[in-house]
PDB file of N, CA and C in Angstrom:
ATOM      1  N   MET A   1       0.825  -1.196   0.000  1.00  0.00           N
ATOM      2  CA  MET A   1       0.000   0.000   0.000  1.00  0.00           C
ATOM      3  C   MET A   1       0.867   1.257   0.000  1.00  0.00           C
ATOM      4  N   LYS A   2       1.946   1.263   0.792  1.00  0.00           N
ATOM      5  CA  LYS A   2       2.830   2.428   0.850  1.00  0.00           C
ATOM      6  C   LYS A   2       3.467   2.697  -0.498  1.00  0.00           C
ATOM      7  N   ARG A   3       3.821   1.627  -1.217  1.00  0.00           N
ATOM      8  CA  ARG A   3       4.456   1.774  -2.527  1.00  0.00           C
ATOM      9  C   ARG A   3       3.512   2.463  -3.507  1.00  0.00           C
ATOM     10  N   ILE A   4       2.268   2.077  -3.525  1.00  0.00           N
ATOM     11  CA  ILE A   4       1.275   2.690  -4.404  1.00  0.00           C
ATOM     12  C   ILE A   4       1.099   4.163  -4.043  1.00  0.00           C
ATOM     13  N   THR A   5       1.064   4.468  -2.770  1.00  0.00           N
ATOM     14  CA  THR A   5       0.919   5.850  -2.325  1.00  0.00           C
ATOM     15  C   THR A   5       2.112   6.689  -2.777  1.00  0.00           C
ATOM     16  N   LEU A   6       3.326   6.164  -2.634  1.00  0.00           N
ATOM     17  CA  LEU A   6       4.520   6.888  -3.072  1.00  0.00           C
ATOM     18  C   LEU A   6       4.516   7.111  -4.579  1.00  0.00           C
ATOM     19  N   ILE A   7       4.135   6.105  -5.325  1.00  0.00           N
ATOM     20  CA  ILE A   7       4.058   6.245  -6.784  1.00  0.00           C
ATOM     21  C   ILE A   7       3.015   7.285  -7.147  1.00  0.00           C
ATOM     22  N   THR A   8       1.866   7.230  -6.515  1.00  0.00           N
ATOM     23  CA  THR A   8       0.802   8.196  -6.783  1.00  0.00           C
ATOM     24  C   THR A   8       1.257   9.610  -6.459  1.00  0.00           C
ATOM     25  N   LEU A   9       1.889   9.789  -5.301  1.00  0.00           N
ATOM     26  CA  LEU A   9       2.378  11.116  -4.920  1.00  0.00           C
ATOM     27  C   LEU A   9       3.447  11.603  -5.885  1.00  0.00           C
ATOM     28  N   SER A  10       4.327  10.712  -6.317  1.00  0.00           N
ATOM     29  CA  SER A  10       5.368  11.084  -7.281  1.00  0.00           C
ATOM     30  C   SER A  10       4.748  11.546  -8.594  1.00  0.00           C
ATOM     31  N   LEU A  11       3.764  10.811  -9.061  1.00  0.00           N
ATOM     32  CA  LEU A  11       3.088  11.185 -10.307  1.00  0.00           C
ATOM     33  C   LEU A  11       2.361  12.520 -10.167  1.00  0.00           C
ATOM     34  N   LEU A  12       1.735  12.740  -9.026  1.00  0.00           N
ATOM     35  CA  LEU A  12       1.055  14.017  -8.799  1.00  0.00           C
ATOM     36  C   LEU A  12       2.051  15.164  -8.776  1.00  0.00           C
ATOM     37  N   PHE A  13       3.209  14.958  -8.147  1.00  0.00           N
ATOM     38  CA  PHE A  13       4.242  15.990  -8.086  1.00  0.00           C
ATOM     39  C   PHE A  13       4.767  16.303  -9.483  1.00  0.00           C
ATOM     40  N   VAL A  14       5.097  15.278 -10.258  1.00  0.00           N
ATOM     41  CA  VAL A  14       5.583  15.487 -11.624  1.00  0.00           C
ATOM     42  C   VAL A  14       4.500  16.154 -12.468  1.00  0.00           C
ATOM     43  N   GLY A  15       3.273  15.721 -12.300  1.00  0.00           N
ATOM     44  CA  GLY A  15       2.165  16.334 -13.034  1.00  0.00           C
ATOM     45  C   GLY A  15       1.991  17.799 -12.695  1.00  0.00           C
ATOM     46  N   SER A  16       2.185  18.146 -11.420  1.00  0.00           N
ATOM     47  CA  SER A  16       2.046  19.550 -11.035  1.00  0.00           C
ATOM     48  C   SER A  16       3.194  20.383 -11.577  1.00  0.00           C
ATOM     49  N   LEU A  17       4.402  19.814 -11.653  1.00  0.00           N
ATOM     50  CA  LEU A  17       5.527  20.535 -12.254  1.00  0.00           C
ATOM     51  C   LEU A  17       5.256  20.793 -13.728  1.00  0.00           C
ATOM     52  N   PHE A  18       4.744  19.791 -14.433  1.00  0.00           N
ATOM     53  CA  PHE A  18       4.416  19.945 -15.840  1.00  0.00           C
ATOM     54  C   PHE A  18       3.335  21.000 -16.021  1.00  0.00           C
ATOM     55  N   ALA A  19       2.326  20.954 -15.161  1.00  0.00           N
ATOM     56  CA  ALA A  19       1.242  21.939 -15.248  1.00  0.00           C
ATOM     57  C   ALA A  19       1.779  23.342 -15.024  1.00  0.00           C
ATOM     58  N   ASP A  20       2.704  23.500 -14.080  1.00  0.00           N
ATOM     59  CA  ASP A  20       3.291  24.816 -13.836  1.00  0.00           C
ATOM     60  C   ASP A  20       4.059  25.306 -15.053  1.00  0.00           C
ATOM     61  N   ALA A  21       4.829  24.437 -15.695  1.00  0.00           N
ATOM     62  CA  ALA A  21       5.586  24.814 -16.896  1.00  0.00           C
ATOM     63  C   ALA A  21       4.636  25.170 -18.030  1.00  0.00           C
ATOM     64  N   LEU A  22       3.570  24.406 -18.179  1.00  0.00           N
ATOM     65  CA  LEU A  22       2.588  24.692 -19.227  1.00  0.00           C
ATOM     66  C   LEU A  22       1.891  26.025 -18.952  1.00  0.00           C
ATOM     67  N   GLU A  23       1.529  26.265 -17.702  1.00  0.00           N
ATOM     68  CA  GLU A  23       0.910  27.548 -17.332  1.00  0.00           C
ATOM     69  C   GLU A  23       1.865  28.708 -17.578  1.00  0.00           C
ATOM     70  N   THR A  24       3.117  28.524 -17.220  1.00  0.00           N
ATOM     71  CA  THR A  24       4.136  29.557 -17.446  1.00  0.00           C
ATOM     72  C   THR A  24       4.266  29.854 -18.928  1.00  0.00           C
ATOM     73  N   ALA A  25       4.353  28.815 -19.731  1.00  0.00           N
ATOM     74  CA  ALA A  25       4.492  28.976 -21.184  1.00  0.00           C
ATOM     75  C   ALA A  25       3.272  29.688 -21.766  1.00  0.00           C
ATOM     76  N   ARG A  26       2.090  29.255 -21.380  1.00  0.00           N
ATOM     77  CA  ARG A  26       0.865  29.881 -21.899  1.00  0.00           C
ATOM     78  C   ARG A  26       0.802  31.362 -21.497  1.00  0.00           C
ATOM     79  N   ALA A  27       1.138  31.659 -20.252  1.00  0.00           N
ATOM     80  CA  ALA A  27       1.087  33.045 -19.773  1.00  0.00           C
ATOM     81  C   ALA A  27       2.082  33.920 -20.533  1.00  0.00           C
ATOM     82  N   GLU A  28       3.293  33.408 -20.759  1.00  0.00           N
ATOM     83  CA  GLU A  28       4.311  34.211 -21.441  1.00  0.00           C
ATOM     84  C   GLU A  28       3.978  34.415 -22.915  1.00  0.00           C
ATOM     85  N   ILE A  29       3.506  33.390 -23.590  1.00  0.00           N
ATOM     86  CA  ILE A  29       3.150  33.545 -25.008  1.00  0.00           C
ATOM     87  C   ILE A  29       1.914  34.437 -25.140  1.00  0.00           C
ATOM     88  N   ASP A  30       0.990  34.336 -24.215  1.00  0.00           N
ATOM     89  CA  ASP A  30      -0.168  35.237 -24.224  1.00  0.00           C
ATOM     90  C   ASP A  30       0.286  36.685 -24.039  1.00  0.00           C
ATOM     91  N   ARG A  31       1.186  36.911 -23.099  1.00  0.00           N
ATOM     92  CA  ARG A  31       1.728  38.259 -22.854  1.00  0.00           C
ATOM     93  C   ARG A  31       2.409  38.791 -24.119  1.00  0.00           C
ATOM     94  N   GLN A  32       3.234  37.972 -24.741  1.00  0.00           N
ATOM     95  CA  GLN A  32       3.937  38.399 -25.947  1.00  0.00           C
ATOM     96  C   GLN A  32       2.975  38.633 -27.107  1.00  0.00           C
ATOM     97  N   SER A  33       1.959  37.801 -27.225  1.00  0.00           N
ATOM     98  CA  SER A  33       0.953  37.971 -28.286  1.00  0.00           C
ATOM     99  C   SER A  33       0.236  39.312 -28.150  1.00  0.00           C
ATOM    100  N   LYS A  34      -0.101  39.670 -26.936  1.00  0.00           N
ATOM    101  CA  LYS A  34      -0.767  40.957 -26.695  1.00  0.00           C
ATOM    102  C   LYS A  34       0.140  42.121 -27.068  1.00  0.00           C
ATOM    103  N   LEU A  35       1.430  42.000 -26.769  1.00  0.00           N
ATOM    104  CA  LEU A  35       2.382  43.049 -27.140  1.00  0.00           C
ATOM    105  C   LEU A  35       2.505  43.163 -28.661  1.00  0.00           C
ATOM    106  N   ILE A  36       2.481  42.036 -29.341  1.00  0.00           N
ATOM    107  CA  ILE A  36       2.522  42.037 -30.809  1.00  0.00           C
ATOM    108  C   ILE A  36       1.288  42.740 -31.357  1.00  0.00           C
ATOM    109  N   LYS A  37       0.122  42.387 -30.851  1.00  0.00           N
ATOM    110  CA  LYS A  37      -1.131  42.988 -31.329  1.00  0.00           C
ATOM    111  C   LYS A  37      -1.158  44.498 -31.100  1.00  0.00           C
ATOM    112  N   LYS A  38      -0.527  44.954 -30.018  1.00  0.00           N
ATOM    113  CA  LYS A  38      -0.448  46.391 -29.730  1.00  0.00           C
ATOM    114  C   LYS A  38       0.635  47.089 -30.553  1.00  0.00           C
ATOM    115  N   GLY A  39       1.538  46.297 -31.118  1.00  0.00           N
ATOM    116  CA  GLY A  39       2.665  46.882 -31.839  1.00  0.00           C
ATOM    117  C   GLY A  39       3.709  47.465 -30.901  1.00  0.00           C
ATOM    118  N   ASP A  40       3.795  46.938 -29.692  1.00  0.00           N
ATOM    119  CA  ASP A  40       4.683  47.451 -28.653  1.00  0.00           C
ATOM    120  C   ASP A  40       6.090  46.864 -28.799  1.00  0.00           C
ATOM    121  N   VAL A  41       6.911  47.522 -29.617  1.00  0.00           N
ATOM    122  CA  VAL A  41       8.267  47.042 -29.881  1.00  0.00           C
ATOM    123  C   VAL A  41       9.087  46.999 -28.600  1.00  0.00           C
ATOM    124  N   LYS A  42       9.086  48.073 -27.846  1.00  0.00           N
ATOM    125  CA  LYS A  42       9.878  48.148 -26.616  1.00  0.00           C
ATOM    126  C   LYS A  42       9.443  47.078 -25.614  1.00  0.00           C
ATOM    127  N   GLY A  43       8.141  46.941 -25.443  1.00  0.00           N
ATOM    128  CA  GLY A  43       7.624  45.950 -24.504  1.00  0.00           C
ATOM    129  C   GLY A  43       7.976  44.527 -24.908  1.00  0.00           C
ATOM    130  N   LEU A  44       7.910  44.249 -26.201  1.00  0.00           N
ATOM    131  CA  LEU A  44       8.228  42.905 -26.668  1.00  0.00           C
ATOM    132  C   LEU A  44       9.720  42.612 -26.556  1.00  0.00           C
ATOM    133  N   LYS A  45      10.536  43.600 -26.859  1.00  0.00           N
ATOM    134  CA  LYS A  45      11.987  43.409 -26.713  1.00  0.00           C
ATOM    135  C   LYS A  45      12.337  42.989 -25.290  1.00  0.00           C
ATOM    136  N   ALA A  46      11.632  43.534 -24.333  1.00  0.00           N
ATOM    137  CA  ALA A  46      11.891  43.222 -22.923  1.00  0.00           C
ATOM    138  C   ALA A  46      11.500  41.788 -22.563  1.00  0.00           C
ATOM    139  N   ARG A  47      10.745  41.092 -23.407  1.00  0.00           N
ATOM    140  CA  ARG A  47      10.307  39.722 -23.144  1.00  0.00           C
ATOM    141  C   ARG A  47      11.162  38.687 -23.876  1.00  0.00           C
ATOM    142  N   LEU A  48      12.227  39.157 -24.570  1.00  0.00           N
ATOM    143  CA  LEU A  48      13.111  38.268 -25.312  1.00  0.00           C
ATOM    144  C   LEU A  48      14.491  38.246 -24.669  1.00  0.00           C
ATOM    145  N   THR A  49      15.249  37.185 -24.945  1.00  0.00           N
ATOM    146  CA  THR A  49      16.618  37.145 -24.459  1.00  0.00           C
ATOM    147  C   THR A  49      17.417  38.247 -25.143  1.00  0.00           C
ATOM    148  N   GLU A  50      18.489  38.633 -24.503  1.00  0.00           N
ATOM    149  CA  GLU A  50      19.325  39.737 -24.982  1.00  0.00           C
ATOM    150  C   GLU A  50      19.738  39.566 -26.441  1.00  0.00           C
ATOM    151  N   ARG A  51      20.081  38.362 -26.844  1.00  0.00           N
ATOM    152  CA  ARG A  51      20.589  38.142 -28.199  1.00  0.00           C
ATOM    153  C   ARG A  51      19.528  38.339 -29.292  1.00  0.00           C
ATOM    154  N   GLN A  52      18.260  38.378 -28.924  1.00  0.00           N
ATOM    155  CA  GLN A  52      17.183  38.517 -29.917  1.00  0.00           C
ATOM    156  C   GLN A  52      16.609  39.935 -30.011  1.00  0.00           C
ATOM    157  N   ARG A  53      16.849  40.747 -29.038  1.00  0.00           N
ATOM    158  CA  ARG A  53      16.166  42.041 -28.932  1.00  0.00           C
ATOM    159  C   ARG A  53      16.363  42.955 -30.131  1.00  0.00           C
ATOM    160  N   ALA A  54      17.545  43.000 -30.690  1.00  0.00           N
ATOM    161  CA  ALA A  54      17.821  43.909 -31.807  1.00  0.00           C
ATOM    162  C   ALA A  54      17.032  43.545 -33.070  1.00  0.00           C
ATOM    163  N   ARG A  55      16.543  42.334 -33.151  1.00  0.00           N
ATOM    164  CA  ARG A  55      15.807  41.870 -34.332  1.00  0.00           C
ATOM    165  C   ARG A  55      14.333  42.293 -34.348  1.00  0.00           C
ATOM    166  N   VAL A  56      13.861  42.830 -33.246  1.00  0.00           N
ATOM    167  CA  VAL A  56      12.447  43.227 -33.153  1.00  0.00           C
ATOM    168  C   VAL A  56      12.298  44.668 -33.634  1.00  0.00           C
ATOM    169  N   THR A  57      11.504  44.834 -34.679  1.00  0.00           N
ATOM    170  CA  THR A  57      11.237  46.156 -35.235  1.00  0.00           C
ATOM    171  C   THR A  57       9.741  46.327 -35.432  1.00  0.00           C
ATOM    172  N   ALA A  58       9.320  47.541 -35.706  1.00  0.00           N
ATOM    173  CA  ALA A  58       7.903  47.804 -35.973  1.00  0.00           C
ATOM    174  C   ALA A  58       7.439  47.020 -37.200  1.00  0.00           C
ATOM    175  N   ALA A  59       8.282  46.925 -38.219  1.00  0.00           N
ATOM    176  CA  ALA A  59       7.922  46.179 -39.432  1.00  0.00           C
ATOM    177  C   ALA A  59       7.731  44.688 -39.133  1.00  0.00           C
ATOM    178  N   VAL A  60       8.601  44.136 -38.300  1.00  0.00           N
ATOM    179  CA  VAL A  60       8.485  42.726 -37.921  1.00  0.00           C
ATOM    180  C   VAL A  60       7.172  42.503 -37.167  1.00  0.00           C
ATOM    181  N   LEU A  61       6.837  43.419 -36.261  1.00  0.00           N
ATOM    182  CA  LEU A  61       5.587  43.272 -35.491  1.00  0.00           C
ATOM    183  C   LEU A  61       4.354  43.430 -36.365  1.00  0.00           C
ATOM    184  N   LYS A  62       4.414  44.301 -37.331  1.00  0.00           N
ATOM    185  CA  LYS A  62       3.274  44.492 -38.232  1.00  0.00           C
ATOM    186  C   LYS A  62       2.984  43.204 -38.998  1.00  0.00           C
ATOM    187  N   LYS A  63       4.030  42.581 -39.499  1.00  0.00           N
ATOM    188  CA  LYS A  63       3.887  41.308 -40.216  1.00  0.00           C
ATOM    189  C   LYS A  63       3.411  40.211 -39.264  1.00  0.00           C
ATOM    190  N   ALA A  64       3.990  40.182 -38.067  1.00  0.00           N
ATOM    191  CA  ALA A  64       3.634  39.168 -37.078  1.00  0.00           C
ATOM    192  C   ALA A  64       2.172  39.292 -36.650  1.00  0.00           C
ATOM    193  N   LYS A  65       1.686  40.508 -36.553  1.00  0.00           N
ATOM    194  CA  LYS A  65       0.295  40.736 -36.152  1.00  0.00           C
ATOM    195  C   LYS A  65      -0.666  40.074 -37.138  1.00  0.00           C
ATOM    196  N   LYS A  66      -0.373  40.187 -38.426  1.00  0.00           N
ATOM    197  CA  LYS A  66      -1.210  39.539 -39.450  1.00  0.00           C
ATOM    198  C   LYS A  66      -1.161  38.018 -39.307  1.00  0.00           C
ATOM    199  N   GLU A  67       0.028  37.497 -39.136  1.00  0.00           N
ATOM    200  CA  GLU A  67       0.212  36.049 -38.998  1.00  0.00           C
ATOM    201  C   GLU A  67      -0.468  35.529 -37.738  1.00  0.00           C
ATOM    202  N   LEU A  68      -0.336  36.257 -36.660  1.00  0.00           N
ATOM    203  CA  LEU A  68      -0.877  35.846 -35.364  1.00  0.00           C
ATOM    204  C   LEU A  68      -2.403  35.760 -35.381  1.00  0.00           C
ATOM    205  N   ALA A  69      -3.027  36.525 -36.241  1.00  0.00           N
ATOM    206  CA  ALA A  69      -4.492  36.535 -36.319  1.00  0.00           C
ATOM    207  C   ALA A  69      -5.066  35.157 -36.674  1.00  0.00           C
ATOM    208  N   SER A  70      -4.270  34.307 -37.291  1.00  0.00           N
ATOM    209  CA  SER A  70      -4.773  32.992 -37.698  1.00  0.00           C
ATOM    210  C   SER A  70      -4.511  31.894 -36.657  1.00  0.00           C
ATOM    211  N   TYR A  71      -4.006  32.277 -35.486  1.00  0.00           N
ATOM    212  CA  TYR A  71      -3.701  31.303 -34.429  1.00  0.00           C
ATOM    213  C   TYR A  71      -4.387  31.679 -33.122  1.00  0.00           C
ATOM    214  N   THR A  72      -4.749  30.647 -32.369  1.00  0.00           N
ATOM    215  CA  THR A  72      -5.221  30.851 -30.997  1.00  0.00           C
ATOM    216  C   THR A  72      -4.069  30.513 -30.054  1.00  0.00           C
ATOM    217  N   LEU A  73      -4.221  30.860 -28.804  1.00  0.00           N
ATOM    218  CA  LEU A  73      -3.212  30.507 -27.809  1.00  0.00           C
ATOM    219  C   LEU A  73      -3.075  28.984 -27.722  1.00  0.00           C
ATOM    220  N   ASP A  74      -4.186  28.269 -27.849  1.00  0.00           N
ATOM    221  CA  ASP A  74      -4.142  26.804 -27.824  1.00  0.00           C
ATOM    222  C   ASP A  74      -3.355  26.246 -29.004  1.00  0.00           C
ATOM    223  N   ASP A  75      -3.443  26.910 -30.166  1.00  0.00           N
ATOM    224  CA  ASP A  75      -2.647  26.491 -31.329  1.00  0.00           C
ATOM    225  C   ASP A  75      -1.157  26.686 -31.068  1.00  0.00           C
ATOM    226  N   LEU A  76      -0.828  27.784 -30.417  1.00  0.00           N
ATOM    227  CA  LEU A  76       0.571  28.142 -30.193  1.00  0.00           C
ATOM    228  C   LEU A  76       1.235  27.321 -29.086  1.00  0.00           C
ATOM    229  N   VAL A  77       0.480  27.008 -28.035  1.00  0.00           N
ATOM    230  CA  VAL A  77       1.052  26.303 -26.880  1.00  0.00           C
ATOM    231  C   VAL A  77       0.226  25.048 -26.606  1.00  0.00           C
ATOM    232  N   GLU A  78       0.692  23.951 -27.151  1.00  0.00           N
ATOM    233  CA  GLU A  78       0.013  22.665 -26.951  1.00  0.00           C
ATOM    234  C   GLU A  78       0.670  21.862 -25.825  1.00  0.00           C
ATOM    235  N   SER A  79       2.007  21.820 -25.844  1.00  0.00           N
ATOM    236  CA  SER A  79       2.722  21.048 -24.835  1.00  0.00           C
ATOM    237  C   SER A  79       4.089  21.685 -24.583  1.00  0.00           C
ATOM    238  N   VAL A  80       4.721  21.243 -23.505  1.00  0.00           N
ATOM    239  CA  VAL A  80       6.029  21.795 -23.133  1.00  0.00           C
ATOM    240  C   VAL A  80       6.965  20.684 -22.684  1.00  0.00           C
ATOM    241  N   GLU A  81       8.259  20.974 -22.793  1.00  0.00           N
ATOM    242  CA  GLU A  81       9.303  20.086 -22.264  1.00  0.00           C
ATOM    243  C   GLU A  81      10.229  20.953 -21.428  1.00  0.00           C
ATOM    244  N   GLU A  82      10.392  20.580 -20.167  1.00  0.00           N
ATOM    245  CA  GLU A  82      11.313  21.319 -19.313  1.00  0.00           C
ATOM    246  C   GLU A  82      12.727  20.788 -19.524  1.00  0.00           C
ATOM    247  N   GLY A  83      13.690  21.681 -19.389  1.00  0.00           N
ATOM    248  CA  GLY A  83      15.075  21.268 -19.549  1.00  0.00           C
ATOM    249  C   GLY A  83      16.007  22.266 -18.911  1.00  0.00           C
ATOM    250  N   GLU A  84      17.266  22.171 -19.330  1.00  0.00           N
ATOM    251  CA  GLU A  84      18.283  23.074 -18.813  1.00  0.00           C
ATOM    252  C   GLU A  84      19.312  23.291 -19.908  1.00  0.00           C
ATOM    253  N   TYR A  85      19.799  24.523 -20.019  1.00  0.00           N
ATOM    254  CA  TYR A  85      20.831  24.864 -20.988  1.00  0.00           C
ATOM    255  C   TYR A  85      21.829  25.794 -20.319  1.00  0.00           C
ATOM    256  N   GLN A  86      23.054  25.391 -20.272  1.00  0.00           N
ATOM    257  CA  GLN A  86      24.126  26.160 -19.648  1.00  0.00           C
ATOM    258  C   GLN A  86      23.739  26.667 -18.256  1.00  0.00           C
ATOM    259  N   GLY A  87      23.144  25.779 -17.482  1.00  0.00           N
ATOM    260  CA  GLY A  87      22.784  26.099 -16.105  1.00  0.00           C
ATOM    261  C   GLY A  87      21.497  26.885 -15.934  1.00  0.00           C
ATOM    262  N   GLN A  88      20.811  27.199 -17.032  1.00  0.00           N
ATOM    263  CA  GLN A  88      19.540  27.932 -16.941  1.00  0.00           C
ATOM    264  C   GLN A  88      18.386  26.991 -17.224  1.00  0.00           C
ATOM    265  N   LYS A  89      17.296  27.170 -16.491  1.00  0.00           N
ATOM    266  CA  LYS A  89      16.088  26.393 -16.744  1.00  0.00           C
ATOM    267  C   LYS A  89      15.494  26.819 -18.081  1.00  0.00           C
ATOM    268  N   THR A  90      14.924  25.848 -18.793  1.00  0.00           N
ATOM    269  CA  THR A  90      14.283  26.132 -20.079  1.00  0.00           C
ATOM    270  C   THR A  90      12.922  25.455 -20.150  1.00  0.00           C
ATOM    271  N   ILE A  91      12.071  26.017 -20.994  1.00  0.00           N
ATOM    272  CA  ILE A  91      10.787  25.390 -21.324  1.00  0.00           C
ATOM    273  C   ILE A  91      10.660  25.442 -22.846  1.00  0.00           C
ATOM    274  N   LYS A  92      10.714  24.286 -23.474  1.00  0.00           N
ATOM    275  CA  LYS A  92      10.542  24.191 -24.925  1.00  0.00           C
ATOM    276  C   LYS A  92       9.052  24.073 -25.203  1.00  0.00           C
ATOM    277  N   ILE A  93       8.535  24.981 -26.028  1.00  0.00           N
ATOM    278  CA  ILE A  93       7.098  25.030 -26.306  1.00  0.00           C
ATOM    279  C   ILE A  93       6.809  24.407 -27.669  1.00  0.00           C
ATOM    280  N   LYS A  94       5.889  23.461 -27.682  1.00  0.00           N
ATOM    281  CA  LYS A  94       5.454  22.809 -28.922  1.00  0.00           C
ATOM    282  C   LYS A  94       4.051  23.303 -29.275  1.00  0.00           C
ATOM    283  N   MET A  95       3.857  23.558 -30.564  1.00  0.00           N
ATOM    284  CA  MET A  95       2.556  24.002 -31.065  1.00  0.00           C
ATOM    285  C   MET A  95       1.632  22.800 -31.276  1.00  0.00           C
ATOM    286  N   LYS A  96       0.373  23.091 -31.512  1.00  0.00           N
ATOM    287  CA  LYS A  96      -0.612  22.044 -31.759  1.00  0.00           C
ATOM    288  C   LYS A  96      -0.235  21.223 -32.995  1.00  0.00           C
ATOM    289  N   ASN A  97       0.389  21.871 -33.994  1.00  0.00           N
ATOM    290  CA  ASN A  97       0.771  21.163 -35.217  1.00  0.00           C
ATOM    291  C   ASN A  97       2.062  20.359 -35.060  1.00  0.00           C
ATOM    292  N   GLY A  98       2.655  20.354 -33.844  1.00  0.00           N
ATOM    293  CA  GLY A  98       3.836  19.562 -33.567  1.00  0.00           C
ATOM    294  C   GLY A  98       5.155  20.305 -33.710  1.00  0.00           C
ATOM    295  N   ARG A  99       5.134  21.483 -34.307  1.00  0.00           N
ATOM    296  CA  ARG A  99       6.363  22.257 -34.473  1.00  0.00           C
ATOM    297  C   ARG A  99       6.755  22.930 -33.156  1.00  0.00           C
ATOM    298  N   THR A 100       8.052  23.196 -33.021  1.00  0.00           N
ATOM    299  CA  THR A 100       8.523  23.950 -31.865  1.00  0.00           C
ATOM    300  C   THR A 100       8.239  25.426 -32.098  1.00  0.00           C
ATOM    301  N   LEU A 101       7.609  26.072 -31.133  1.00  0.00           N
ATOM    302  CA  LEU A 101       7.331  27.506 -31.231  1.00  0.00           C
ATOM    303  C   LEU A 101       8.564  28.295 -30.799  1.00  0.00           C
ATOM    304  N   THR A 102       9.024  28.056 -29.596  1.00  0.00           N
ATOM    305  CA  THR A 102      10.205  28.729 -29.053  1.00  0.00           C
ATOM    306  C   THR A 102      10.649  27.990 -27.807  1.00  0.00           C
ATOM    307  N   THR A 103      11.759  28.417 -27.275  1.00  0.00           N
ATOM    308  CA  THR A 103      12.219  27.945 -25.979  1.00  0.00           C
ATOM    309  C   THR A 103      12.294  29.150 -25.059  1.00  0.00           C
ATOM    310  N   LEU A 104      11.675  29.024 -23.898  1.00  0.00           N
ATOM    311  CA  LEU A 104      11.769  30.068 -22.886  1.00  0.00           C
ATOM    312  C   LEU A 104      12.971  29.765 -22.006  1.00  0.00           C
ATOM    313  N   MET A 105      13.693  30.812 -21.638  1.00  0.00           N
ATOM    314  CA  MET A 105      14.844  30.683 -20.756  1.00  0.00           C
ATOM    315  C   MET A 105      14.551  31.477 -19.485  1.00  0.00           C
ATOM    316  N   GLU A 106      14.859  30.893 -18.338  1.00  0.00           N
ATOM    317  CA  GLU A 106      14.650  31.601 -17.075  1.00  0.00           C
ATOM    318  C   GLU A 106      15.927  32.358 -16.714  1.00  0.00           C
ATOM    319  N   VAL A 107      15.759  33.651 -16.501  1.00  0.00           N
ATOM    320  CA  VAL A 107      16.875  34.501 -16.085  1.00  0.00           C
ATOM    321  C   VAL A 107      16.402  35.314 -14.884  1.00  0.00           C
ATOM    322  N   ASN A 108      17.044  35.106 -13.738  1.00  0.00           N
ATOM    323  CA  ASN A 108      16.683  35.822 -12.508  1.00  0.00           C
ATOM    324  C   ASN A 108      15.195  35.737 -12.184  1.00  0.00           C
ATOM    325  N   GLY A 109      14.629  34.545 -12.355  1.00  0.00           N
ATOM    326  CA  GLY A 109      13.227  34.320 -12.004  1.00  0.00           C
ATOM    327  C   GLY A 109      12.215  34.776 -13.038  1.00  0.00           C
ATOM    328  N   GLN A 110      12.673  35.300 -14.161  1.00  0.00           N
ATOM    329  CA  GLN A 110      11.768  35.738 -15.239  1.00  0.00           C
ATOM    330  C   GLN A 110      12.005  34.862 -16.462  1.00  0.00           C
ATOM    331  N   TRP A 111      10.975  34.702 -17.280  1.00  0.00           N
ATOM    332  CA  TRP A 111      11.066  33.874 -18.477  1.00  0.00           C
ATOM    333  C   TRP A 111      11.118  34.751 -19.720  1.00  0.00           C
ATOM    334  N   PHE A 112      12.043  34.403 -20.640  1.00  0.00           N
ATOM    335  CA  PHE A 112      12.248  35.159 -21.870  1.00  0.00           C
ATOM    336  C   PHE A 112      12.308  34.198 -23.056  1.00  0.00           C
ATOM    337  N   ALA A 113      11.680  34.585 -24.166  1.00  0.00           N
ATOM    338  CA  ALA A 113      11.746  33.767 -25.382  1.00  0.00           C
ATOM    339  C   ALA A 113      13.144  33.890 -25.970  1.00  0.00           C
ATOM    340  N   ASP A 114      13.692  32.762 -26.393  1.00  0.00           N
ATOM    341  CA  ASP A 114      15.047  32.749 -26.937  1.00  0.00           C
ATOM    342  C   ASP A 114      15.063  32.698 -28.464  1.00  0.00           C
ATOM    343  N   THR A 115      13.906  32.766 -29.072  1.00  0.00           N
ATOM    344  CA  THR A 115      13.813  32.893 -30.529  1.00  0.00           C
ATOM    345  C   THR A 115      12.711  33.876 -30.857  1.00  0.00           C
ATOM    346  N   ILE A 116      12.771  34.405 -32.057  1.00  0.00           N
ATOM    347  CA  ILE A 116      11.688  35.274 -32.522  1.00  0.00           C
ATOM    348  C   ILE A 116      10.674  34.353 -33.198  1.00  0.00           C
ATOM    349  N   TRP A 117       9.698  33.902 -32.431  1.00  0.00           N
ATOM    350  CA  TRP A 117       8.732  32.914 -32.873  1.00  0.00           C
ATOM    351  C   TRP A 117       7.629  33.514 -33.733  1.00  0.00           C
ATOM    352  N   PHE A 118       7.543  34.815 -33.794  1.00  0.00           N
ATOM    353  CA  PHE A 118       6.403  35.483 -34.408  1.00  0.00           C
ATOM    354  C   PHE A 118       6.708  36.069 -35.785  1.00  0.00           C
ATOM    355  N   ARG A 119       7.713  35.596 -36.472  1.00  0.00           N
ATOM    356  CA  ARG A 119       8.050  36.147 -37.790  1.00  0.00           C
ATOM    357  C   ARG A 119       7.033  35.817 -38.828  1.00  0.00           C
TER     358      ARG A 119
END
């Protein structure tokens, strides 16, 4: 009986970690989507890793806004895989169609997209 309880608790713990990563991913992509729809270049740059920020322009957001109109949040964030890269926590986001949308990187407790997923 104790073994079943431990297995059940372990599965619940892992499930809650996955749910937290999925919630984090959905919240961050929703936040970024809203910034794209507003055309907020400065705000969106602040949600990306340092190496991607210079690539965000008003023209890129204008194009992305049109593209984004054909997707829902559920289309964009279907599943996630937690990982680590160079000592930083990561969340790889998979779309409903199976493609990778982006990878979020945690820096000082905040999550940032490490690719420009909205081109």
